[in-house]
C-alpha atoms as a PDB file:
ATOM      1  CA  UNK A   1      43.944 -71.762  18.179  1.00  0.00           C
ATOM      2  CA  UNK A   2      45.427 -68.632  16.502  1.00  0.00           C
ATOM      3  CA  UNK A   3      47.819 -69.402  13.122  1.00  0.00           C
ATOM      4  CA  UNK A   4      51.440 -69.609  14.093  1.00  0.00           C
ATOM      5  CA  UNK A   5      53.503 -67.460  11.913  1.00  0.00           C
ATOM      6  CA  UNK A   6      56.756 -68.312  10.884  1.00  0.00           C
ATOM      7  CA  UNK A   7      59.722 -65.794  11.299  1.00  0.00           C
ATOM      8  CA  UNK A   8      63.432 -65.501  11.621  1.00  0.00           C
ATOM      9  CA  UNK A   9      65.499 -63.009  13.601  1.00  0.00           C
ATOM     10  CA  UNK A  10      69.446 -62.100  13.583  1.00  0.00           C
ATOM     11  CA  UNK A  11      71.459 -61.446  16.923  1.00  0.00           C
ATOM     12  CA  UNK A  12      74.290 -59.156  15.852  1.00  0.00           C
ATOM     13  CA  UNK A  13      77.268 -58.737  17.937  1.00  0.00           C
ATOM     14  CA  UNK A  14      80.760 -57.612  17.841  1.00  0.00           C
ATOM     15  CA  UNK A  15      83.476 -57.957  20.014  1.00  0.00           C
ATOM     16  CA  UNK A  16      85.359 -55.256  21.962  1.00  0.00           C
ATOM     17  CA  UNK A  17      88.646 -55.230  22.038  1.00  0.00           C
ATOM     18  CA  UNK A  18      89.102 -53.997  25.479  1.00  0.00           C
ATOM     19  CA  UNK A  19      86.636 -55.072  27.833  1.00  0.00           C
ATOM     20  CA  UNK A  20      84.594 -52.142  29.575  1.00  0.00           C
ATOM     21  CA  UNK A  21      83.496 -53.077  32.875  1.00  0.00           C
ATOM     22  CA  UNK A  22      83.788 -57.077  32.194  1.00  0.00           C
ATOM     23  CA  UNK A  23      81.470 -56.365  29.253  1.00  0.00           C
ATOM     24  CA  UNK A  24      83.198 -57.852  26.055  1.00  0.00           C
ATOM     25  CA  UNK A  25      80.568 -57.379  23.323  1.00  0.00           C
ATOM     26  CA  UNK A  26      78.450 -54.904  21.396  1.00  0.00           C
ATOM     27  CA  UNK A  27      74.831 -56.185  20.563  1.00  0.00           C
ATOM     28  CA  UNK A  28      72.523 -54.221  18.086  1.00  0.00           C
ATOM     29  CA  UNK A  29      69.222 -53.618  18.982  1.00  0.00           C
ATOM     30  CA  UNK A  30      66.365 -51.867  17.515  1.00  0.00           C
ATOM     31  CA  UNK A  31      63.454 -50.154  19.334  1.00  0.00           C
ATOM     32  CA  UNK A  32      60.120 -50.794  17.467  1.00  0.00           C
ATOM     33  CA  UNK A  33      58.108 -47.638  17.115  1.00  0.00           C
ATOM     34  CA  UNK A  34      54.391 -47.179  18.721  1.00  0.00           C
ATOM     35  CA  UNK A  35      52.735 -47.853  16.053  1.00  0.00           C
ATOM     36  CA  UNK A  36      53.410 -51.189  15.714  1.00  0.00           C
ATOM     37  CA  UNK A  37      50.984 -53.941  15.862  1.00  0.00           C
ATOM     38  CA  UNK A  38      53.024 -56.753  17.661  1.00  0.00           C
ATOM     39  CA  UNK A  39      55.938 -55.619  20.768  1.00  0.00           C
ATOM     40  CA  UNK A  40      55.502 -51.418  20.266  1.00  0.00           C
ATOM     41  CA  UNK A  41      58.125 -49.841  21.562  1.00  0.00           C
ATOM     42  CA  UNK A  42      60.193 -52.668  22.525  1.00  0.00           C
ATOM     43  CA  UNK A  43      63.629 -53.586  21.912  1.00  0.00           C
ATOM     44  CA  UNK A  44      64.049 -56.268  19.763  1.00  0.00           C
ATOM     45  CA  UNK A  45      66.687 -58.168  17.748  1.00  0.00           C
ATOM     46  CA  UNK A  46      66.316 -57.426  13.884  1.00  0.00           C
ATOM     47  CA  UNK A  47      63.809 -59.651  12.052  1.00  0.00           C
ATOM     48  CA  UNK A  48      60.419 -60.724  11.015  1.00  0.00           C
ATOM     49  CA  UNK A  49      58.245 -62.640   9.089  1.00  0.00           C
ATOM     50  CA  UNK A  50      58.933 -65.237   6.428  1.00  0.00           C
ATOM     51  CA  UNK A  51      57.571 -65.003   3.368  1.00  0.00           C
ATOM     52  CA  UNK A  52      58.083 -68.788   0.803  1.00  0.00           C
ATOM     53  CA  UNK A  53      57.179 -66.509  -2.239  1.00  0.00           C
ATOM     54  CA  UNK A  54      60.815 -64.776  -1.293  1.00  0.00           C
ATOM     55  CA  UNK A  55      62.934 -66.342   0.753  1.00  0.00           C
ATOM     56  CA  UNK A  56      62.205 -70.246  -1.237  1.00  0.00           C
ATOM     57  CA  UNK A  57      62.453 -68.502  -4.457  1.00  0.00           C
ATOM     58  CA  UNK A  58      64.639 -70.548  -6.963  1.00  0.00           C
ATOM     59  CA  UNK A  59      65.491 -67.686  -8.417  1.00  0.00           C
ATOM     60  CA  UNK A  60      68.163 -67.882  -5.338  1.00  0.00           C
ATOM     61  CA  UNK A  61      69.820 -70.333  -7.242  1.00  0.00           C
ATOM     62  CA  UNK A  62      70.833 -67.994  -9.639  1.00  0.00           C
ATOM     63  CA  UNK A  63      72.298 -65.720  -7.060  1.00  0.00           C
ATOM     64  CA  UNK A  64      74.363 -68.407  -5.711  1.00  0.00           C
ATOM     65  CA  UNK A  65      75.998 -70.266  -8.566  1.00  0.00           C
ATOM     66  CA  UNK A  66      77.407 -69.944 -11.953  1.00  0.00           C
ATOM     67  CA  UNK A  67      75.941 -71.771 -14.911  1.00  0.00           C
ATOM     68  CA  UNK A  68      77.837 -74.651 -14.928  1.00  0.00           C
ATOM     69  CA  UNK A  69      77.171 -75.636 -11.057  1.00  0.00           C
ATOM     70  CA  UNK A  70      73.553 -74.785 -12.045  1.00  0.00           C
ATOM     71  CA  UNK A  71      72.767 -77.256 -14.560  1.00  0.00           C
ATOM     72  CA  UNK A  72      74.216 -80.237 -12.221  1.00  0.00           C
ATOM     73  CA  UNK A  73      71.841 -78.680  -9.426  1.00  0.00           C
ATOM     74  CA  UNK A  74      68.840 -78.643 -11.852  1.00  0.00           C
ATOM     75  CA  UNK A  75      70.071 -82.176 -13.174  1.00  0.00           C
ATOM     76  CA  UNK A  76      70.313 -83.527  -9.648  1.00  0.00           C
ATOM     77  CA  UNK A  77      68.508 -81.783  -6.947  1.00  0.00           C
ATOM     78  CA  UNK A  78      70.034 -84.177  -4.285  1.00  0.00           C
ATOM     79  CA  UNK A  79      73.209 -82.262  -4.950  1.00  0.00           C
ATOM     80  CA  UNK A  80      72.149 -79.002  -3.505  1.00  0.00           C
ATOM     81  CA  UNK A  81      71.654 -80.848  -0.193  1.00  0.00           C
ATOM     82  CA  UNK A  82      74.036 -83.239  -0.182  1.00  0.00           C
ATOM     83  CA  UNK A  83      77.256 -81.208  -1.204  1.00  0.00           C
ATOM     84  CA  UNK A  84      76.640 -77.374  -1.762  1.00  0.00           C
ATOM     85  CA  UNK A  85      74.873 -76.638   1.205  1.00  0.00           C
ATOM     86  CA  UNK A  86      75.483 -79.955   2.886  1.00  0.00           C
ATOM     87  CA  UNK A  87      77.884 -78.055   5.929  1.00  0.00           C
ATOM     88  CA  UNK A  88      74.735 -75.734   7.008  1.00  0.00           C
ATOM     89  CA  UNK A  89      72.344 -78.778   6.665  1.00  0.00           C
ATOM     90  CA  UNK A  90      74.466 -81.521   8.742  1.00  0.00           C
ATOM     91  CA  UNK A  91      75.150 -78.645  11.460  1.00  0.00           C
ATOM     92  CA  UNK A  92      72.034 -76.984  12.094  1.00  0.00           C
ATOM     93  CA  UNK A  93      68.324 -78.518  13.098  1.00  0.00           C
ATOM     94  CA  UNK A  94      65.884 -76.318  10.525  1.00  0.00           C
ATOM     95  CA  UNK A  95      65.490 -79.115   8.236  1.00  0.00           C
ATOM     96  CA  UNK A  96      64.453 -81.642  10.618  1.00  0.00           C
ATOM     97  CA  UNK A  97      62.465 -79.614  12.662  1.00  0.00           C
ATOM     98  CA  UNK A  98      60.116 -78.162   9.769  1.00  0.00           C
ATOM     99  CA  UNK A  99      60.329 -81.975   8.003  1.00  0.00           C
ATOM    100  CA  UNK A 100      58.942 -81.059   4.564  1.00  0.00           C
ATOM    101  CA  UNK A 101      61.434 -81.239   2.252  1.00  0.00           C
ATOM    102  CA  UNK A 102      62.825 -84.150   0.235  1.00  0.00           C
ATOM    103  CA  UNK A 103      66.094 -84.431  -1.440  1.00  0.00           C
ATOM    104  CA  UNK A 104      64.313 -85.189  -4.954  1.00  0.00           C
ATOM    105  CA  UNK A 105      62.467 -81.929  -5.427  1.00  0.00           C
ATOM    106  CA  UNK A 106      64.045 -78.626  -6.561  1.00  0.00           C
ATOM    107  CA  UNK A 107      63.778 -76.594  -3.641  1.00  0.00           C
ATOM    108  CA  UNK A 108      65.184 -74.103  -1.566  1.00  0.00           C
ATOM    109  CA  UNK A 109      67.022 -75.574   2.101  1.00  0.00           C
ATOM    110  CA  UNK A 110      65.418 -74.320   4.719  1.00  0.00           C
ATOM    111  CA  UNK A 111      68.795 -73.959   6.348  1.00  0.00           C
ATOM    112  CA  UNK A 112      69.101 -71.419   3.816  1.00  0.00           C
ATOM    113  CA  UNK A 113      66.079 -69.942   3.430  1.00  0.00           C
ATOM    114  CA  UNK A 114      65.155 -68.986   7.028  1.00  0.00           C
ATOM    115  CA  UNK A 115      68.936 -67.172   6.542  1.00  0.00           C
ATOM    116  CA  UNK A 116      67.482 -65.376   4.030  1.00  0.00           C
ATOM    117  CA  UNK A 117      64.798 -64.911   5.484  1.00  0.00           C
ATOM    118  CA  UNK A 118      66.971 -63.385   8.612  1.00  0.00           C
ATOM    119  CA  UNK A 119      69.228 -61.120   6.337  1.00  0.00           C
ATOM    120  CA  UNK A 120      66.625 -59.643   3.794  1.00  0.00           C
ATOM    121  CA  UNK A 121      64.723 -58.384   7.056  1.00  0.00           C
ATOM    122  CA  UNK A 122      67.783 -57.058   8.769  1.00  0.00           C
ATOM    123  CA  UNK A 123      68.348 -55.211   5.711  1.00  0.00           C
ATOM    124  CA  UNK A 124      64.718 -53.818   5.544  1.00  0.00           C
ATOM    125  CA  UNK A 125      64.789 -52.558   9.058  1.00  0.00           C
ATOM    126  CA  UNK A 126      68.223 -50.845   9.129  1.00  0.00           C
ATOM    127  CA  UNK A 127      70.032 -51.020   5.903  1.00  0.00           C
ATOM    128  CA  UNK A 128      72.697 -53.271   6.871  1.00  0.00           C
ATOM    129  CA  UNK A 129      73.660 -56.073   3.990  1.00  0.00           C
ATOM    130  CA  UNK A 130      75.109 -59.246   5.053  1.00  0.00           C
ATOM    131  CA  UNK A 131      76.799 -59.908   1.623  1.00  0.00           C
ATOM    132  CA  UNK A 132      80.201 -60.523  -0.097  1.00  0.00           C
ATOM    133  CA  UNK A 133      81.333 -60.455  -3.915  1.00  0.00           C
ATOM    134  CA  UNK A 134      80.193 -63.675  -5.804  1.00  0.00           C
ATOM    135  CA  UNK A 135      83.026 -65.468  -6.474  1.00  0.00           C
ATOM    136  CA  UNK A 136      84.084 -69.472  -6.075  1.00  0.00           C
ATOM    137  CA  UNK A 137      81.255 -70.314  -4.037  1.00  0.00           C
ATOM    138  CA  UNK A 138      82.735 -71.535  -0.295  1.00  0.00           C
ATOM    139  CA  UNK A 139      79.958 -73.214   1.080  1.00  0.00           C
ATOM    140  CA  UNK A 140      81.653 -74.300   4.513  1.00  0.00           C
ATOM    141  CA  UNK A 141      79.899 -72.439   7.756  1.00  0.00           C
ATOM    142  CA  UNK A 142      82.319 -69.724   8.822  1.00  0.00           C
ATOM    143  CA  UNK A 143      82.766 -67.825  12.326  1.00  0.00           C
ATOM    144  CA  UNK A 144      82.434 -64.044  11.206  1.00  0.00           C
ATOM    145  CA  UNK A 145      79.923 -62.564   9.075  1.00  0.00           C
ATOM    146  CA  UNK A 146      80.827 -59.970   6.455  1.00  0.00           C
ATOM    147  CA  UNK A 147      78.693 -56.784   5.648  1.00  0.00           C
ATOM    148  CA  UNK A 148      78.961 -55.233   1.989  1.00  0.00           C
ATOM    149  CA  UNK A 149      81.031 -52.042   2.185  1.00  0.00           C
ATOM    150  CA  UNK A 150      80.935 -50.990  -1.564  1.00  0.00           C
ATOM    151  CA  UNK A 151      78.736 -48.965  -3.422  1.00  0.00           C
ATOM    152  CA  UNK A 152      76.809 -47.653  -0.715  1.00  0.00           C
ATOM    153  CA  UNK A 153      74.617 -45.163  -2.237  1.00  0.00           C
ATOM    154  CA  UNK A 154      73.830 -48.137  -4.875  1.00  0.00           C
ATOM    155  CA  UNK A 155      72.727 -50.396  -2.045  1.00  0.00           C
ATOM    156  CA  UNK A 156      70.730 -47.463  -0.520  1.00  0.00           C
ATOM    157  CA  UNK A 157      68.880 -46.833  -3.635  1.00  0.00           C
ATOM    158  CA  UNK A 158      67.995 -50.493  -3.180  1.00  0.00           C
ATOM    159  CA  UNK A 159      67.131 -50.227   0.524  1.00  0.00           C
ATOM    160  CA  UNK A 160      64.402 -47.621  -0.359  1.00  0.00           C
ATOM    161  CA  UNK A 161      63.137 -49.699  -3.044  1.00  0.00           C
ATOM    162  CA  UNK A 162      62.888 -53.296  -0.551  1.00  0.00           C
ATOM    163  CA  UNK A 163      61.345 -51.452   2.265  1.00  0.00           C
ATOM    164  CA  UNK A 164      58.339 -51.107  -0.121  1.00  0.00           C
ATOM    165  CA  UNK A 165      58.596 -54.416  -1.843  1.00  0.00           C
ATOM    166  CA  UNK A 166      60.423 -57.099  -0.793  1.00  0.00           C
ATOM    167  CA  UNK A 167      60.470 -59.260  -3.427  1.00  0.00           C
ATOM    168  CA  UNK A 168      63.124 -57.094  -5.001  1.00  0.00           C
ATOM    169  CA  UNK A 169      65.419 -58.570  -2.528  1.00  0.00           C
ATOM    170  CA  UNK A 170      66.695 -61.036  -5.018  1.00  0.00           C
ATOM    171  CA  UNK A 171      67.188 -58.921  -8.069  1.00  0.00           C
ATOM    172  CA  UNK A 172      69.496 -56.620  -5.768  1.00  0.00           C
ATOM    173  CA  UNK A 173      71.883 -59.656  -5.750  1.00  0.00           C
ATOM    174  CA  UNK A 174      71.348 -60.662  -9.480  1.00  0.00           C
ATOM    175  CA  UNK A 175      71.760 -57.019 -10.849  1.00  0.00           C
ATOM    176  CA  UNK A 176      74.929 -56.360  -7.943  1.00  0.00           C
ATOM    177  CA  UNK A 177      76.379 -59.812  -8.540  1.00  0.00           C
ATOM    178  CA  UNK A 178      76.380 -60.537  -4.790  1.00  0.00           C
ATOM    179  CA  UNK A 179      75.218 -63.410  -2.570  1.00  0.00           C
ATOM    180  CA  UNK A 180      73.969 -63.239   0.882  1.00  0.00           C
ATOM    181  CA  UNK A 181      76.544 -63.991   3.487  1.00  0.00           C
ATOM    182  CA  UNK A 182      74.167 -67.049   4.760  1.00  0.00           C
ATOM    183  CA  UNK A 183      77.624 -68.801   5.731  1.00  0.00           C
ATOM    184  CA  UNK A 184      78.340 -66.868   8.516  1.00  0.00           C
ATOM    185  CA  UNK A 185      74.653 -67.351  10.422  1.00  0.00           C
ATOM    186  CA  UNK A 186      74.566 -69.919  12.956  1.00  0.00           C
ATOM    187  CA  UNK A 187      71.795 -71.117  14.664  1.00  0.00           C
ATOM    188  CA  UNK A 188      70.857 -70.284  18.015  1.00  0.00           C
ATOM    189  CA  UNK A 189      67.152 -71.387  19.379  1.00  0.00           C
ATOM    190  CA  UNK A 190      63.529 -71.971  18.047  1.00  0.00           C
ATOM    191  CA  UNK A 191      61.199 -70.142  19.731  1.00  0.00           C
ATOM    192  CA  UNK A 192      57.153 -70.522  19.337  1.00  0.00           C
ATOM    193  CA  UNK A 193      55.090 -67.759  21.069  1.00  0.00           C
ATOM    194  CA  UNK A 194      52.893 -69.088  24.047  1.00  0.00           C
ATOM    195  CA  UNK A 195      49.422 -69.968  23.374  1.00  0.00           C
ATOM    196  CA  UNK A 196      48.021 -67.270  25.453  1.00  0.00           C
ATOM    197  CA  UNK A 197      48.862 -64.882  23.407  1.00  0.00           C
ATOM    198  CA  UNK A 198      46.711 -63.338  20.363  1.00  0.00           C
ATOM    199  CA  UNK A 199      49.519 -63.169  18.010  1.00  0.00           C
ATOM    200  CA  UNK A 200      52.035 -66.250  17.309  1.00  0.00           C
ATOM    201  CA  UNK A 201      55.371 -66.520  15.752  1.00  0.00           C
ATOM    202  CA  UNK A 202      57.462 -69.720  15.179  1.00  0.00           C
ATOM    203  CA  UNK A 203      60.410 -68.311  15.374  1.00  0.00           C
ATOM    204  CA  UNK A 204      64.342 -69.281  14.173  1.00  0.00           C
ATOM    205  CA  UNK A 205      66.853 -67.481  15.840  1.00  0.00           C
ATOM    206  CA  UNK A 206      70.333 -66.635  14.311  1.00  0.00           C
ATOM    207  CA  UNK A 207      73.468 -65.203  15.530  1.00  0.00           C
ATOM    208  CA  UNK A 208      76.316 -63.564  13.497  1.00  0.00           C
ATOM    209  CA  UNK A 209      79.459 -61.883  14.729  1.00  0.00           C
ATOM    210  CA  UNK A 210      80.838 -58.941  12.950  1.00  0.00           C
ATOM    211  CA  UNK A 211      84.607 -57.773  12.790  1.00  0.00           C
ATOM    212  CA  UNK A 212      83.213 -54.223  14.083  1.00  0.00           C
ATOM    213  CA  UNK A 213      80.196 -52.571  14.202  1.00  0.00           C
ATOM    214  CA  UNK A 214      79.294 -51.043  10.901  1.00  0.00           C
ATOM    215  CA  UNK A 215      79.289 -46.817  11.563  1.00  0.00           C
ATOM    216  CA  UNK A 216      75.955 -44.939  11.092  1.00  0.00           C
ATOM    217  CA  UNK A 217      76.828 -44.277   7.210  1.00  0.00           C
ATOM    218  CA  UNK A 218      76.086 -47.974   6.671  1.00  0.00           C
ATOM    219  CA  UNK A 219      73.177 -47.827   8.276  1.00  0.00           C
ATOM    220  CA  UNK A 220      69.595 -46.332   7.095  1.00  0.00           C
ATOM    221  CA  UNK A 221      67.175 -46.956   9.502  1.00  0.00           C
ATOM    222  CA  UNK A 222      63.261 -48.031   8.587  1.00  0.00           C
ATOM    223  CA  UNK A 223      61.245 -45.457  10.167  1.00  0.00           C
ATOM    224  CA  UNK A 224      58.312 -46.970   9.549  1.00  0.00           C
ATOM    225  CA  UNK A 225      58.750 -49.731  11.831  1.00  0.00           C
ATOM    226  CA  UNK A 226      61.745 -48.415  13.847  1.00  0.00           C
ATOM    227  CA  UNK A 227      62.589 -45.516  16.188  1.00  0.00           C
ATOM    228  CA  UNK A 228      66.212 -46.207  17.015  1.00  0.00           C
ATOM    229  CA  UNK A 229      69.067 -48.584  16.597  1.00  0.00           C
ATOM    230  CA  UNK A 230      71.376 -48.992  19.792  1.00  0.00           C
ATOM    231  CA  UNK A 231      73.850 -50.953  20.130  1.00  0.00           C
ATOM    232  CA  UNK A 232      74.521 -52.620  23.873  1.00  0.00           C
ATOM    233  CA  UNK A 233      77.538 -53.689  26.078  1.00  0.00           C
ATOM    234  CA  UNK A 234      76.920 -57.305  26.970  1.00  0.00           C
ATOM    235  CA  UNK A 235      79.099 -59.856  28.820  1.00  0.00           C
ATOM    236  CA  UNK A 236      78.587 -62.765  26.221  1.00  0.00           C
ATOM    237  CA  UNK A 237      82.152 -64.805  27.005  1.00  0.00           C
ATOM    238  CA  UNK A 238      84.550 -65.174  29.827  1.00  0.00           C
END
């Protein structure tokens, strides 16, 4: 049996103020280029392979927390799941599905690491950075996501670096003093590729809602993987 690879995917949508032919939402899709091993020429949502070394790196704790809270967490790792990311964990099933983590060890909760994967892959493929300034941490889940709208040239420089070396993703947040907006990502589904396929993935899908679709100025398509980015109209809610 083929080894199943972990991955995360992000469905990015934005409401239309006035419906067009009963379509009321815009959804971002990417057209994969013909050279891709998996799903060439397909339209897909942003996303990609989970990387434990990056997505579960303890350096993320330095990204999210100031020193006082960090000291508390290191002395009592249970706080990370029971207090700081309690809302994400209680409202999602990733931890129970994977069922490999305990409260006693200092580790990045899977409810967080899979979201980091989805945000990282979205940034690598599109240049869209779901992030916000670092301030007093509010760990409550929220309806809308935020994309970072400052320092566009710096973000594009980082995008070039991270396309070549994904491990630099956490460094960008540390240097820019921002945090990934994991709290605006909502778990939607968990799909596993059927057994007859040669390449199989165990994929967690997340949704996020933006107030508006970013202009092309804020996007920087990774042409090594993607031919085009398209915004399609859908009827998501009545």
